[in-house]
Amino acid sequence: MTNYLVTIYHPDHYDPSLEDEAMGRDIDALNQEMVAAGIRVFVGGLHAAGRAKALRTQPGGKVLVTDGPYLETKEHIGGLWVLEAASLDEALEWGRKATVACRTPVEVRAFH
């Protein structure tokens, strides 16, 4: 079995207050389905990218810590699942369910 990362993408300046109760129920149902199937390893939502701290190495072994995400993009990771699936096709089926439940794009990637 391979572990897969299923990431949820939110647009920059995403407003979580726009998430309605139906979306919350759909995500909860998906999480319950994943647990029942025995494929969910970990799940987590993330705070807004604007609250992130980026760390970069500097000459002399120093590390610079700055406010904000590492990359300036129009979309940021809003949450994730780590799934243990038998194949990429199985992981993609869960990704399809995730994009419907979350009403936002998702990405599925295998771990090495």
PDB file of N, CA and C in Angstrom:
ATOM      1  N   MET A   1       0.848  -1.176   0.000  1.00  0.00           N
ATOM      2  CA  MET A   1       0.000   0.000   0.000  1.00  0.00           C
ATOM      3  C   MET A   1       0.896   1.243   0.000  1.00  0.00           C
ATOM      4  N   THR A   2       0.456   2.243  -0.690  1.00  0.00           N
ATOM      5  CA  THR A   2       1.188   3.505  -0.811  1.00  0.00           C
ATOM      6  C   THR A   2       0.420   4.600  -0.100  1.00  0.00           C
ATOM      7  N   ASN A   3       1.146   5.531   0.498  1.00  0.00           N
ATOM      8  CA  ASN A   3       0.506   6.699   1.085  1.00  0.00           C
ATOM      9  C   ASN A   3       0.389   7.792   0.030  1.00  0.00           C
ATOM     10  N   TYR A   4      -0.751   8.472   0.044  1.00  0.00           N
ATOM     11  CA  TYR A   4      -1.026   9.556  -0.890  1.00  0.00           C
ATOM     12  C   TYR A   4      -1.412  10.804  -0.112  1.00  0.00           C
ATOM     13  N   LEU A   5      -0.963  11.938  -0.596  1.00  0.00           N
ATOM     14  CA  LEU A   5      -1.339  13.225  -0.044  1.00  0.00           C
ATOM     15  C   LEU A   5      -2.444  13.811  -0.913  1.00  0.00           C
ATOM     16  N   VAL A   6      -3.575  14.103  -0.299  1.00  0.00           N
ATOM     17  CA  VAL A   6      -4.687  14.757  -0.990  1.00  0.00           C
ATOM     18  C   VAL A   6      -4.786  16.150  -0.387  1.00  0.00           C
ATOM     19  N   THR A   7      -4.435  17.161  -1.175  1.00  0.00           N
ATOM     20  CA  THR A   7      -4.424  18.532  -0.671  1.00  0.00           C
ATOM     21  C   THR A   7      -5.601  19.321  -1.226  1.00  0.00           C
ATOM     22  N   ILE A   8      -6.145  20.162  -0.366  1.00  0.00           N
ATOM     23  CA  ILE A   8      -7.266  21.036  -0.712  1.00  0.00           C
ATOM     24  C   ILE A   8      -6.678  22.416  -1.000  1.00  0.00           C
ATOM     25  N   TYR A   9      -7.082  23.015  -2.108  1.00  0.00           N
ATOM     26  CA  TYR A   9      -6.580  24.343  -2.452  1.00  0.00           C
ATOM     27  C   TYR A   9      -7.654  25.396  -2.276  1.00  0.00           C
ATOM     28  N   HIS A  10      -7.265  26.496  -1.650  1.00  0.00           N
ATOM     29  CA  HIS A  10      -8.145  27.649  -1.481  1.00  0.00           C
ATOM     30  C   HIS A  10      -7.536  28.845  -2.200  1.00  0.00           C
ATOM     31  N   PRO A  11      -8.360  29.722  -2.728  1.00  0.00           N
ATOM     32  CA  PRO A  11      -7.824  30.934  -3.342  1.00  0.00           C
ATOM     33  C   PRO A  11      -7.204  31.831  -2.271  1.00  0.00           C
ATOM     34  N   ASP A  12      -6.285  32.673  -2.682  1.00  0.00           N
ATOM     35  CA  ASP A  12      -5.691  33.642  -1.769  1.00  0.00           C
ATOM     36  C   ASP A  12      -6.821  34.443  -1.128  1.00  0.00           C
ATOM     37  N   HIS A  13      -6.690  34.760   0.133  1.00  0.00           N
ATOM     38  CA  HIS A  13      -7.690  35.525   0.900  1.00  0.00           C
ATOM     39  C   HIS A  13      -9.007  34.761   1.028  1.00  0.00           C
ATOM     40  N   TYR A  14      -8.926  33.425   1.099  1.00  0.00           N
ATOM     41  CA  TYR A  14     -10.108  32.577   1.270  1.00  0.00           C
ATOM     42  C   TYR A  14     -10.812  32.938   2.576  1.00  0.00           C
ATOM     43  N   ASP A  15     -12.108  33.017   2.532  1.00  0.00           N
ATOM     44  CA  ASP A  15     -12.911  33.354   3.705  1.00  0.00           C
ATOM     45  C   ASP A  15     -13.666  32.120   4.175  1.00  0.00           C
ATOM     46  N   PRO A  16     -13.188  31.447   5.253  1.00  0.00           N
ATOM     47  CA  PRO A  16     -13.844  30.230   5.710  1.00  0.00           C
ATOM     48  C   PRO A  16     -15.266  30.456   6.221  1.00  0.00           C
ATOM     49  N   SER A  17     -15.624  31.688   6.511  1.00  0.00           N
ATOM     50  CA  SER A  17     -16.982  31.958   6.987  1.00  0.00           C
ATOM     51  C   SER A  17     -18.013  31.728   5.877  1.00  0.00           C
ATOM     52  N   LEU A  18     -17.561  31.610   4.628  1.00  0.00           N
ATOM     53  CA  LEU A  18     -18.470  31.349   3.517  1.00  0.00           C
ATOM     54  C   LEU A  18     -18.844  29.869   3.395  1.00  0.00           C
ATOM     55  N   GLU A  19     -18.185  29.016   4.176  1.00  0.00           N
ATOM     56  CA  GLU A  19     -18.494  27.590   4.157  1.00  0.00           C
ATOM     57  C   GLU A  19     -19.831  27.382   4.865  1.00  0.00           C
ATOM     58  N   ASP A  20     -20.767  26.755   4.185  1.00  0.00           N
ATOM     59  CA  ASP A  20     -22.090  26.558   4.782  1.00  0.00           C
ATOM     60  C   ASP A  20     -22.168  25.216   5.522  1.00  0.00           C
ATOM     61  N   GLU A  21     -23.274  25.007   6.219  1.00  0.00           N
ATOM     62  CA  GLU A  21     -23.457  23.781   6.993  1.00  0.00           C
ATOM     63  C   GLU A  21     -23.449  22.545   6.106  1.00  0.00           C
ATOM     64  N   ALA A  22     -24.012  22.653   4.911  1.00  0.00           N
ATOM     65  CA  ALA A  22     -24.043  21.506   3.995  1.00  0.00           C
ATOM     66  C   ALA A  22     -22.627  21.063   3.643  1.00  0.00           C
ATOM     67  N   MET A  23     -21.734  22.013   3.428  1.00  0.00           N
ATOM     68  CA  MET A  23     -20.353  21.665   3.110  1.00  0.00           C
ATOM     69  C   MET A  23     -19.711  20.967   4.301  1.00  0.00           C
ATOM     70  N   GLY A  24     -19.937  21.477   5.491  1.00  0.00           N
ATOM     71  CA  GLY A  24     -19.399  20.842   6.693  1.00  0.00           C
ATOM     72  C   GLY A  24     -19.900  19.411   6.853  1.00  0.00           C
ATOM     73  N   ARG A  25     -21.179  19.196   6.589  1.00  0.00           N
ATOM     74  CA  ARG A  25     -21.741  17.845   6.665  1.00  0.00           C
ATOM     75  C   ARG A  25     -21.113  16.934   5.606  1.00  0.00           C
ATOM     76  N   ASP A  26     -20.911  17.466   4.402  1.00  0.00           N
ATOM     77  CA  ASP A  26     -20.313  16.664   3.329  1.00  0.00           C
ATOM     78  C   ASP A  26     -18.876  16.259   3.679  1.00  0.00           C
ATOM     79  N   ILE A  27     -18.121  17.173   4.243  1.00  0.00           N
ATOM     80  CA  ILE A  27     -16.735  16.864   4.626  1.00  0.00           C
ATOM     81  C   ILE A  27     -16.722  15.865   5.776  1.00  0.00           C
ATOM     82  N   ASP A  28     -17.600  16.054   6.766  1.00  0.00           N
ATOM     83  CA  ASP A  28     -17.684  15.097   7.878  1.00  0.00           C
ATOM     84  C   ASP A  28     -18.047  13.709   7.366  1.00  0.00           C
ATOM     85  N   ALA A  29     -19.006  13.634   6.442  1.00  0.00           N
ATOM     86  CA  ALA A  29     -19.413  12.339   5.878  1.00  0.00           C
ATOM     87  C   ALA A  29     -18.253  11.688   5.130  1.00  0.00           C
ATOM     88  N   LEU A  30     -17.488  12.486   4.391  1.00  0.00           N
ATOM     89  CA  LEU A  30     -16.338  11.945   3.665  1.00  0.00           C
ATOM     90  C   LEU A  30     -15.306  11.404   4.650  1.00  0.00           C
ATOM     91  N   ASN A  31     -15.048  12.144   5.721  1.00  0.00           N
ATOM     92  CA  ASN A  31     -14.096  11.675   6.731  1.00  0.00           C
ATOM     93  C   ASN A  31     -14.560  10.359   7.353  1.00  0.00           C
ATOM     94  N   GLN A  32     -15.835  10.255   7.656  1.00  0.00           N
ATOM     95  CA  GLN A  32     -16.372   9.015   8.222  1.00  0.00           C
ATOM     96  C   GLN A  32     -16.239   7.867   7.230  1.00  0.00           C
ATOM     97  N   GLU A  33     -16.490   8.144   5.952  1.00  0.00           N
ATOM     98  CA  GLU A  33     -16.362   7.119   4.920  1.00  0.00           C
ATOM     99  C   GLU A  33     -14.913   6.643   4.803  1.00  0.00           C
ATOM    100  N   MET A  34     -13.965   7.590   4.880  1.00  0.00           N
ATOM    101  CA  MET A  34     -12.551   7.229   4.807  1.00  0.00           C
ATOM    102  C   MET A  34     -12.134   6.362   5.992  1.00  0.00           C
ATOM    103  N   VAL A  35     -12.607   6.726   7.186  1.00  0.00           N
ATOM    104  CA  VAL A  35     -12.293   5.937   8.377  1.00  0.00           C
ATOM    105  C   VAL A  35     -12.881   4.532   8.242  1.00  0.00           C
ATOM    106  N   ALA A  36     -14.138   4.457   7.813  1.00  0.00           N
ATOM    107  CA  ALA A  36     -14.793   3.153   7.654  1.00  0.00           C
ATOM    108  C   ALA A  36     -14.061   2.280   6.632  1.00  0.00           C
ATOM    109  N   ALA A  37     -13.506   2.893   5.595  1.00  0.00           N
ATOM    110  CA  ALA A  37     -12.768   2.156   4.562  1.00  0.00           C
ATOM    111  C   ALA A  37     -11.362   1.782   5.020  1.00  0.00           C
ATOM    112  N   GLY A  38     -10.918   2.374   6.138  1.00  0.00           N
ATOM    113  CA  GLY A  38      -9.593   2.068   6.668  1.00  0.00           C
ATOM    114  C   GLY A  38      -8.449   2.670   5.887  1.00  0.00           C
ATOM    115  N   ILE A  39      -8.705   3.751   5.137  1.00  0.00           N
ATOM    116  CA  ILE A  39      -7.630   4.320   4.307  1.00  0.00           C
ATOM    117  C   ILE A  39      -7.080   5.629   4.865  1.00  0.00           C
ATOM    118  N   ARG A  40      -7.805   6.272   5.803  1.00  0.00           N
ATOM    119  CA  ARG A  40      -7.363   7.568   6.300  1.00  0.00           C
ATOM    120  C   ARG A  40      -6.279   7.398   7.351  1.00  0.00           C
ATOM    121  N   VAL A  41      -5.123   8.000   7.097  1.00  0.00           N
ATOM    122  CA  VAL A  41      -4.002   7.990   8.029  1.00  0.00           C
ATOM    123  C   VAL A  41      -4.031   9.260   8.867  1.00  0.00           C
ATOM    124  N   PHE A  42      -4.284  10.395   8.233  1.00  0.00           N
ATOM    125  CA  PHE A  42      -4.257  11.696   8.912  1.00  0.00           C
ATOM    126  C   PHE A  42      -5.094  12.675   8.115  1.00  0.00           C
ATOM    127  N   VAL A  43      -5.714  13.617   8.804  1.00  0.00           N
ATOM    128  CA  VAL A  43      -6.449  14.704   8.159  1.00  0.00           C
ATOM    129  C   VAL A  43      -6.207  15.973   8.963  1.00  0.00           C
ATOM    130  N   GLY A  44      -6.153  17.110   8.288  1.00  0.00           N
ATOM    131  CA  GLY A  44      -5.993  18.369   8.997  1.00  0.00           C
ATOM    132  C   GLY A  44      -6.307  19.561   8.122  1.00  0.00           C
ATOM    133  N   GLY A  45      -6.923  20.551   8.722  1.00  0.00           N
ATOM    134  CA  GLY A  45      -7.154  21.832   8.069  1.00  0.00           C
ATOM    135  C   GLY A  45      -6.072  22.802   8.488  1.00  0.00           C
ATOM    136  N   LEU A  46      -5.786  23.762   7.645  1.00  0.00           N
ATOM    137  CA  LEU A  46      -4.733  24.734   7.929  1.00  0.00           C
ATOM    138  C   LEU A  46      -5.314  26.139   8.080  1.00  0.00           C
ATOM    139  N   HIS A  47      -4.655  26.933   8.924  1.00  0.00           N
ATOM    140  CA  HIS A  47      -5.005  28.343   9.023  1.00  0.00           C
ATOM    141  C   HIS A  47      -4.654  29.033   7.707  1.00  0.00           C
ATOM    142  N   ALA A  48      -5.123  30.236   7.532  1.00  0.00           N
ATOM    143  CA  ALA A  48      -4.868  31.005   6.312  1.00  0.00           C
ATOM    144  C   ALA A  48      -3.365  31.131   6.056  1.00  0.00           C
ATOM    145  N   ALA A  49      -2.994  31.114   4.784  1.00  0.00           N
ATOM    146  CA  ALA A  49      -1.588  31.200   4.394  1.00  0.00           C
ATOM    147  C   ALA A  49      -0.936  32.480   4.905  1.00  0.00           C
ATOM    148  N   GLY A  50      -1.709  33.535   5.041  1.00  0.00           N
ATOM    149  CA  GLY A  50      -1.171  34.790   5.552  1.00  0.00           C
ATOM    150  C   GLY A  50      -0.658  34.700   6.975  1.00  0.00           C
ATOM    151  N   ARG A  51      -1.053  33.672   7.694  1.00  0.00           N
ATOM    152  CA  ARG A  51      -0.593  33.478   9.069  1.00  0.00           C
ATOM    153  C   ARG A  51       0.637  32.580   9.140  1.00  0.00           C
ATOM    154  N   ALA A  52       1.114  32.116   7.988  1.00  0.00           N
ATOM    155  CA  ALA A  52       2.270  31.217   7.948  1.00  0.00           C
ATOM    156  C   ALA A  52       3.564  31.970   8.250  1.00  0.00           C
ATOM    157  N   LYS A  53       4.586  31.224   8.582  1.00  0.00           N
ATOM    158  CA  LYS A  53       5.952  31.732   8.728  1.00  0.00           C
ATOM    159  C   LYS A  53       6.821  30.949   7.756  1.00  0.00           C
ATOM    160  N   ALA A  54       7.628  31.631   6.998  1.00  0.00           N
ATOM    161  CA  ALA A  54       8.552  31.001   6.051  1.00  0.00           C
ATOM    162  C   ALA A  54       9.963  31.087   6.606  1.00  0.00           C
ATOM    163  N   LEU A  55      10.703  29.998   6.505  1.00  0.00           N
ATOM    164  CA  LEU A  55      12.079  29.946   6.988  1.00  0.00           C
ATOM    165  C   LEU A  55      13.004  29.671   5.815  1.00  0.00           C
ATOM    166  N   ARG A  56      14.070  30.464   5.721  1.00  0.00           N
ATOM    167  CA  ARG A  56      15.040  30.316   4.625  1.00  0.00           C
ATOM    168  C   ARG A  56      16.450  30.350   5.205  1.00  0.00           C
ATOM    169  N   THR A  57      17.292  29.447   4.685  1.00  0.00           N
ATOM    170  CA  THR A  57      18.678  29.451   5.146  1.00  0.00           C
ATOM    171  C   THR A  57      19.402  30.671   4.584  1.00  0.00           C
ATOM    172  N   GLN A  58      20.341  31.152   5.350  1.00  0.00           N
ATOM    173  CA  GLN A  58      21.149  32.313   4.994  1.00  0.00           C
ATOM    174  C   GLN A  58      22.624  31.932   5.108  1.00  0.00           C
ATOM    175  N   PRO A  59      23.509  32.746   4.537  1.00  0.00           N
ATOM    176  CA  PRO A  59      24.947  32.461   4.676  1.00  0.00           C
ATOM    177  C   PRO A  59      25.334  32.367   6.150  1.00  0.00           C
ATOM    178  N   GLY A  60      26.311  31.526   6.419  1.00  0.00           N
ATOM    179  CA  GLY A  60      26.805  31.382   7.779  1.00  0.00           C
ATOM    180  C   GLY A  60      25.917  30.507   8.658  1.00  0.00           C
ATOM    181  N   GLY A  61      25.002  29.768   8.065  1.00  0.00           N
ATOM    182  CA  GLY A  61      24.168  28.862   8.837  1.00  0.00           C
ATOM    183  C   GLY A  61      23.004  29.512   9.553  1.00  0.00           C
ATOM    184  N   LYS A  62      22.762  30.778   9.278  1.00  0.00           N
ATOM    185  CA  LYS A  62      21.636  31.461   9.918  1.00  0.00           C
ATOM    186  C   LYS A  62      20.345  31.124   9.178  1.00  0.00           C
ATOM    187  N   VAL A  63      19.224  31.329   9.854  1.00  0.00           N
ATOM    188  CA  VAL A  63      17.913  31.080   9.270  1.00  0.00           C
ATOM    189  C   VAL A  63      17.086  32.347   9.414  1.00  0.00           C
ATOM    190  N   LEU A  64      16.526  32.799   8.290  1.00  0.00           N
ATOM    191  CA  LEU A  64      15.675  33.980   8.270  1.00  0.00           C
ATOM    192  C   LEU A  64      14.218  33.529   8.360  1.00  0.00           C
ATOM    193  N   VAL A  65      13.475  34.097   9.315  1.00  0.00           N
ATOM    194  CA  VAL A  65      12.052  33.794   9.480  1.00  0.00           C
ATOM    195  C   VAL A  65      11.270  35.028   9.049  1.00  0.00           C
ATOM    196  N   THR A  66      10.349  34.839   8.095  1.00  0.00           N
ATOM    197  CA  THR A  66       9.537  35.958   7.619  1.00  0.00           C
ATOM    198  C   THR A  66       8.056  35.614   7.739  1.00  0.00           C
ATOM    199  N   ASP A  67       7.225  36.625   7.774  1.00  0.00           N
ATOM    200  CA  ASP A  67       5.781  36.434   7.819  1.00  0.00           C
ATOM    201  C   ASP A  67       5.265  36.058   6.441  1.00  0.00           C
ATOM    202  N   GLY A  68       4.236  35.230   6.435  1.00  0.00           N
ATOM    203  CA  GLY A  68       3.567  34.891   5.191  1.00  0.00           C
ATOM    204  C   GLY A  68       4.027  33.575   4.612  1.00  0.00           C
ATOM    205  N   PRO A  69       3.355  33.130   3.567  1.00  0.00           N
ATOM    206  CA  PRO A  69       3.679  31.837   2.970  1.00  0.00           C
ATOM    207  C   PRO A  69       5.033  31.861   2.279  1.00  0.00           C
ATOM    208  N   TYR A  70       5.572  30.669   2.071  1.00  0.00           N
ATOM    209  CA  TYR A  70       6.854  30.515   1.399  1.00  0.00           C
ATOM    210  C   TYR A  70       6.773  31.025  -0.033  1.00  0.00           C
ATOM    211  N   LEU A  71       5.682  30.707  -0.711  1.00  0.00           N
ATOM    212  CA  LEU A  71       5.489  31.145  -2.091  1.00  0.00           C
ATOM    213  C   LEU A  71       4.333  32.125  -2.170  1.00  0.00           C
ATOM    214  N   GLU A  72       4.457  33.114  -3.011  1.00  0.00           N
ATOM    215  CA  GLU A  72       3.348  34.019  -3.268  1.00  0.00           C
ATOM    216  C   GLU A  72       2.601  33.494  -4.479  1.00  0.00           C
ATOM    217  N   THR A  73       1.410  32.955  -4.230  1.00  0.00           N
ATOM    218  CA  THR A  73       0.608  32.365  -5.287  1.00  0.00           C
ATOM    219  C   THR A  73      -0.836  32.810  -5.145  1.00  0.00           C
ATOM    220  N   LYS A  74      -1.644  32.462  -6.110  1.00  0.00           N
ATOM    221  CA  LYS A  74      -3.059  32.814  -6.058  1.00  0.00           C
ATOM    222  C   LYS A  74      -3.862  31.770  -5.292  1.00  0.00           C
ATOM    223  N   GLU A  75      -3.271  30.599  -5.043  1.00  0.00           N
ATOM    224  CA  GLU A  75      -3.922  29.540  -4.285  1.00  0.00           C
ATOM    225  C   GLU A  75      -2.954  29.003  -3.235  1.00  0.00           C
ATOM    226  N   HIS A  76      -3.530  28.524  -2.135  1.00  0.00           N
ATOM    227  CA  HIS A  76      -2.731  27.968  -1.042  1.00  0.00           C
ATOM    228  C   HIS A  76      -3.384  26.689  -0.548  1.00  0.00           C
ATOM    229  N   ILE A  77      -2.593  25.840   0.088  1.00  0.00           N
ATOM    230  CA  ILE A  77      -3.138  24.624   0.677  1.00  0.00           C
ATOM    231  C   ILE A  77      -3.975  25.011   1.887  1.00  0.00           C
ATOM    232  N   GLY A  78      -5.233  24.570   1.878  1.00  0.00           N
ATOM    233  CA  GLY A  78      -6.144  24.879   2.984  1.00  0.00           C
ATOM    234  C   GLY A  78      -6.327  23.708   3.926  1.00  0.00           C
ATOM    235  N   GLY A  79      -5.975  22.521   3.487  1.00  0.00           N
ATOM    236  CA  GLY A  79      -6.107  21.338   4.315  1.00  0.00           C
ATOM    237  C   GLY A  79      -5.588  20.129   3.564  1.00  0.00           C
ATOM    238  N   LEU A  80      -5.556  18.992   4.244  1.00  0.00           N
ATOM    239  CA  LEU A  80      -4.984  17.813   3.617  1.00  0.00           C
ATOM    240  C   LEU A  80      -5.478  16.544   4.266  1.00  0.00           C
ATOM    241  N   TRP A  81      -5.376  15.472   3.506  1.00  0.00           N
ATOM    242  CA  TRP A  81      -5.544  14.110   3.998  1.00  0.00           C
ATOM    243  C   TRP A  81      -4.289  13.349   3.618  1.00  0.00           C
ATOM    244  N   VAL A  82      -3.876  12.432   4.463  1.00  0.00           N
ATOM    245  CA  VAL A  82      -2.903  11.416   4.089  1.00  0.00           C
ATOM    246  C   VAL A  82      -3.683  10.109   4.080  1.00  0.00           C
ATOM    247  N   LEU A  83      -3.692   9.463   2.922  1.00  0.00           N
ATOM    248  CA  LEU A  83      -4.444   8.229   2.734  1.00  0.00           C
ATOM    249  C   LEU A  83      -3.498   7.082   2.419  1.00  0.00           C
ATOM    250  N   GLU A  84      -3.859   5.883   2.848  1.00  0.00           N
ATOM    251  CA  GLU A  84      -3.121   4.679   2.473  1.00  0.00           C
ATOM    252  C   GLU A  84      -4.011   3.918   1.509  1.00  0.00           C
ATOM    253  N   ALA A  85      -3.620   3.911   0.243  1.00  0.00           N
ATOM    254  CA  ALA A  85      -4.462   3.321  -0.803  1.00  0.00           C
ATOM    255  C   ALA A  85      -3.676   2.276  -1.585  1.00  0.00           C
ATOM    256  N   ALA A  86      -4.415   1.355  -2.190  1.00  0.00           N
ATOM    257  CA  ALA A  86      -3.795   0.265  -2.948  1.00  0.00           C
ATOM    258  C   ALA A  86      -3.221   0.734  -4.279  1.00  0.00           C
ATOM    259  N   SER A  87      -3.744   1.852  -4.808  1.00  0.00           N
ATOM    260  CA  SER A  87      -3.287   2.305  -6.127  1.00  0.00           C
ATOM    261  C   SER A  87      -3.581   3.794  -6.296  1.00  0.00           C
ATOM    262  N   LEU A  88      -2.970   4.371  -7.309  1.00  0.00           N
ATOM    263  CA  LEU A  88      -3.262   5.760  -7.643  1.00  0.00           C
ATOM    264  C   LEU A  88      -4.734   5.911  -8.016  1.00  0.00           C
ATOM    265  N   ASP A  89      -5.272   4.950  -8.738  1.00  0.00           N
ATOM    266  CA  ASP A  89      -6.685   5.025  -9.123  1.00  0.00           C
ATOM    267  C   ASP A  89      -7.590   5.103  -7.900  1.00  0.00           C
ATOM    268  N   GLU A  90      -7.300   4.308  -6.874  1.00  0.00           N
ATOM    269  CA  GLU A  90      -8.096   4.366  -5.648  1.00  0.00           C
ATOM    270  C   GLU A  90      -7.953   5.732  -4.979  1.00  0.00           C
ATOM    271  N   ALA A  91      -6.718   6.244  -4.911  1.00  0.00           N
ATOM    272  CA  ALA A  91      -6.495   7.565  -4.309  1.00  0.00           C
ATOM    273  C   ALA A  91      -7.228   8.651  -5.092  1.00  0.00           C
ATOM    274  N   LEU A  92      -7.250   8.529  -6.421  1.00  0.00           N
ATOM    275  CA  LEU A  92      -7.963   9.510  -7.243  1.00  0.00           C
ATOM    276  C   LEU A  92      -9.466   9.464  -7.002  1.00  0.00           C
ATOM    277  N   GLU A  93     -10.015   8.286  -6.733  1.00  0.00           N
ATOM    278  CA  GLU A  93     -11.443   8.189  -6.404  1.00  0.00           C
ATOM    279  C   GLU A  93     -11.748   8.965  -5.128  1.00  0.00           C
ATOM    280  N   TRP A  94     -10.867   8.851  -4.137  1.00  0.00           N
ATOM    281  CA  TRP A  94     -11.055   9.627  -2.907  1.00  0.00           C
ATOM    282  C   TRP A  94     -10.849  11.111  -3.185  1.00  0.00           C
ATOM    283  N   GLY A  95      -9.912  11.455  -4.056  1.00  0.00           N
ATOM    284  CA  GLY A  95      -9.710  12.851  -4.445  1.00  0.00           C
ATOM    285  C   GLY A  95     -10.947  13.431  -5.113  1.00  0.00           C
ATOM    286  N   ARG A  96     -11.612  12.621  -5.938  1.00  0.00           N
ATOM    287  CA  ARG A  96     -12.862  13.072  -6.573  1.00  0.00           C
ATOM    288  C   ARG A  96     -13.915  13.388  -5.515  1.00  0.00           C
ATOM    289  N   LYS A  97     -14.028  12.519  -4.525  1.00  0.00           N
ATOM    290  CA  LYS A  97     -14.987  12.757  -3.447  1.00  0.00           C
ATOM    291  C   LYS A  97     -14.607  14.005  -2.652  1.00  0.00           C
ATOM    292  N   ALA A  98     -13.312  14.216  -2.457  1.00  0.00           N
ATOM    293  CA  ALA A  98     -12.846  15.379  -1.701  1.00  0.00           C
ATOM    294  C   ALA A  98     -13.149  16.684  -2.429  1.00  0.00           C
ATOM    295  N   THR A  99     -12.940  16.718  -3.738  1.00  0.00           N
ATOM    296  CA  THR A  99     -13.191  17.955  -4.475  1.00  0.00           C
ATOM    297  C   THR A  99     -14.677  18.299  -4.476  1.00  0.00           C
ATOM    298  N   VAL A 100     -15.533  17.266  -4.479  1.00  0.00           N
ATOM    299  CA  VAL A 100     -16.981  17.505  -4.416  1.00  0.00           C
ATOM    300  C   VAL A 100     -17.367  17.999  -3.027  1.00  0.00           C
ATOM    301  N   ALA A 101     -16.889  17.323  -1.985  1.00  0.00           N
ATOM    302  CA  ALA A 101     -17.246  17.690  -0.612  1.00  0.00           C
ATOM    303  C   ALA A 101     -16.737  19.077  -0.239  1.00  0.00           C
ATOM    304  N   CYS A 102     -15.507  19.394  -0.667  1.00  0.00           N
ATOM    305  CA  CYS A 102     -14.882  20.669  -0.279  1.00  0.00           C
ATOM    306  C   CYS A 102     -15.213  21.817  -1.223  1.00  0.00           C
ATOM    307  N   ARG A 103     -15.759  21.464  -2.414  1.00  0.00           N
ATOM    308  CA  ARG A 103     -16.140  22.487  -3.384  1.00  0.00           C
ATOM    309  C   ARG A 103     -14.954  23.362  -3.794  1.00  0.00           C
ATOM    310  N   THR A 104     -13.808  22.715  -3.933  1.00  0.00           N
ATOM    311  CA  THR A 104     -12.575  23.410  -4.292  1.00  0.00           C
ATOM    312  C   THR A 104     -11.629  22.405  -4.949  1.00  0.00           C
ATOM    313  N   PRO A 105     -10.639  22.869  -5.696  1.00  0.00           N
ATOM    314  CA  PRO A 105      -9.696  21.935  -6.314  1.00  0.00           C
ATOM    315  C   PRO A 105      -8.897  21.150  -5.273  1.00  0.00           C
ATOM    316  N   VAL A 106      -8.531  19.929  -5.616  1.00  0.00           N
ATOM    317  CA  VAL A 106      -7.629  19.133  -4.790  1.00  0.00           C
ATOM    318  C   VAL A 106      -6.530  18.562  -5.679  1.00  0.00           C
ATOM    319  N   GLU A 107      -5.460  18.155  -5.038  1.00  0.00           N
ATOM    320  CA  GLU A 107      -4.354  17.507  -5.756  1.00  0.00           C
ATOM    321  C   GLU A 107      -4.050  16.204  -5.042  1.00  0.00           C
ATOM    322  N   VAL A 108      -3.746  15.153  -5.804  1.00  0.00           N
ATOM    323  CA  VAL A 108      -3.384  13.853  -5.245  1.00  0.00           C
ATOM    324  C   VAL A 108      -1.952  13.545  -5.653  1.00  0.00           C
ATOM    325  N   ARG A 109      -1.114  13.247  -4.661  1.00  0.00           N
ATOM    326  CA  ARG A 109       0.296  12.927  -4.934  1.00  0.00           C
ATOM    327  C   ARG A 109       0.737  11.781  -4.056  1.00  0.00           C
ATOM    328  N   ALA A 110       1.515  10.856  -4.629  1.00  0.00           N
ATOM    329  CA  ALA A 110       2.069   9.729  -3.859  1.00  0.00           C
ATOM    330  C   ALA A 110       3.302  10.173  -3.093  1.00  0.00           C
ATOM    331  N   PHE A 111       3.492   9.561  -1.937  1.00  0.00           N
ATOM    332  CA  PHE A 111       4.746   9.734  -1.187  1.00  0.00           C
ATOM    333  C   PHE A 111       5.780   8.792  -1.777  1.00  0.00           C
ATOM    334  N   HIS A 112       7.053   9.148  -1.647  1.00  0.00           N
ATOM    335  CA  HIS A 112       8.144   8.249  -2.092  1.00  0.00           C
ATOM    336  C   HIS A 112       8.170   7.045  -1.203  1.00  0.00           C
TER     337      HIS A 112
END
